[in-house]
Amino acid sequence: MPRPFAPKIATANHLLEGDVIYFTDPGWSRDHSDAAVAQTVAEADALLARASQEPHLTVGVYLADAALVDGRPAPTHFREAFRTCGPSNYFHGKQAE
């Protein structure tokens, strides 16, 4: 039996800065809760296609599962929750805040 569809967001890394970014349709944000959410497979495919149209700004665009909390996306997997904290190689950026 197929697993039920979970809402999806599009995420990537900023090409020059390396920061984790989230597609807001249009544009990108460094805040996970700003991300545009796809509620169906067709919406997810379209979201990924739009997010992938900026290779001069992004690297590694992919869809990630998200839960809706008060109407805003929140990470559902450890990897995505960890990515919201910023780079893990040294204390700077989001980790310093």
Protein backbone atom coordinates (compact mmCIF):
# COMPACT_ATOMS: atom_id res chain seq x y z
CA MET A 1 0.00 0.00 0.00
CA PRO A 2 1.49 3.39 -0.95
CA ARG A 3 2.35 5.82 1.78
CA PRO A 4 -0.01 8.84 1.96
CA PHE A 5 1.31 12.04 0.44
CA ALA A 6 2.95 14.42 2.93
CA PRO A 7 3.09 18.17 2.24
CA LYS A 8 6.36 19.20 0.56
CA ILE A 9 8.59 22.26 0.37
CA ALA A 10 11.46 22.97 -2.02
CA THR A 11 14.86 23.56 -0.44
CA ALA A 12 18.41 24.06 -1.68
CA ASN A 13 21.67 25.76 -0.78
CA HIS A 14 22.56 29.26 -1.89
CA LEU A 15 25.22 28.87 -4.57
CA LEU A 16 27.58 31.60 -3.36
CA GLU A 17 26.99 31.67 0.40
CA GLY A 18 26.13 28.02 1.04
CA ASP A 19 23.20 28.90 3.31
CA VAL A 20 20.15 26.67 3.35
CA ILE A 21 17.31 28.38 1.49
CA TYR A 22 13.62 27.64 0.96
CA PHE A 23 11.55 28.40 -2.13
CA THR A 24 8.75 30.89 -1.42
CA ASP A 25 7.30 31.12 -4.96
CA PRO A 26 8.48 33.54 -6.07
CA GLY A 27 11.88 33.91 -4.53
CA TRP A 28 13.87 32.29 -1.76
CA SER A 29 14.08 32.73 2.01
CA ARG A 30 16.44 31.55 4.72
CA ASP A 31 13.43 30.97 7.00
CA HIS A 32 11.86 27.50 6.76
CA SER A 33 8.44 28.81 7.78
CA ASP A 34 8.32 31.12 4.72
CA ALA A 35 8.46 28.20 2.27
CA ALA A 36 5.71 27.55 -0.25
CA VAL A 37 3.91 24.28 0.52
CA ALA A 38 2.72 21.71 -2.01
CA GLN A 39 -0.33 19.70 -0.89
CA THR A 40 -0.52 17.23 -3.80
CA VAL A 41 1.87 15.30 -6.03
CA ALA A 42 1.07 17.60 -8.97
CA GLU A 43 1.69 20.71 -6.85
CA ALA A 44 4.98 19.22 -5.62
CA ASP A 45 6.14 18.49 -9.17
CA ALA A 46 5.28 22.05 -10.23
CA LEU A 47 6.97 23.53 -7.14
CA LEU A 48 10.17 21.60 -7.81
CA ALA A 49 10.13 22.65 -11.47
CA ARG A 50 9.79 26.35 -10.54
CA ALA A 51 12.42 26.14 -7.80
CA SER A 52 14.88 24.46 -10.17
CA GLN A 53 14.77 27.34 -12.66
CA GLU A 54 17.46 29.39 -10.90
CA PRO A 55 20.72 27.44 -11.19
CA HIS A 56 22.66 30.71 -10.99
CA LEU A 57 21.40 31.11 -7.37
CA THR A 58 20.97 27.58 -6.04
CA VAL A 59 22.57 24.18 -5.84
CA GLY A 60 20.93 20.87 -4.94
CA VAL A 61 17.24 21.76 -5.13
CA TYR A 62 15.00 19.00 -3.74
CA LEU A 63 11.62 18.43 -2.10
CA ALA A 64 11.42 17.83 1.64
CA ASP A 65 8.49 16.69 3.75
CA ALA A 66 6.92 19.33 5.96
CA ALA A 67 4.20 19.46 8.57
CA LEU A 68 1.83 22.39 8.79
CA VAL A 69 1.92 24.04 12.22
CA ASP A 70 -0.44 26.99 12.53
CA GLY A 71 -0.58 27.10 8.73
CA ARG A 72 3.22 27.37 8.33
CA PRO A 73 5.62 24.60 7.28
CA ALA A 74 7.78 22.93 9.91
CA PRO A 75 10.42 20.22 9.40
CA THR A 76 9.36 16.62 9.98
CA HIS A 77 12.71 14.87 9.61
CA PHE A 78 15.85 15.29 11.72
CA ARG A 79 17.95 16.19 8.68
CA GLU A 80 15.67 19.08 7.77
CA ALA A 81 15.42 20.30 11.37
CA PHE A 82 19.23 20.21 11.57
CA ARG A 83 19.56 22.17 8.30
CA THR A 84 17.44 25.01 9.76
CA CYS A 85 20.21 25.62 12.31
CA GLY A 86 22.78 26.59 9.70
CA PRO A 87 26.29 25.31 8.99
CA SER A 88 27.65 22.84 11.53
CA ASN A 89 31.36 23.19 10.83
CA TYR A 90 31.95 26.10 13.24
CA PHE A 91 30.09 28.59 15.42
CA HIS A 92 28.75 31.35 13.16
CA GLY A 93 25.66 32.52 11.32
CA LYS A 94 22.39 31.19 12.69
CA GLN A 95 24.20 29.22 15.40
CA ALA A 96 25.73 32.40 16.82
CA GLU A 97 22.32 34.06 17.19
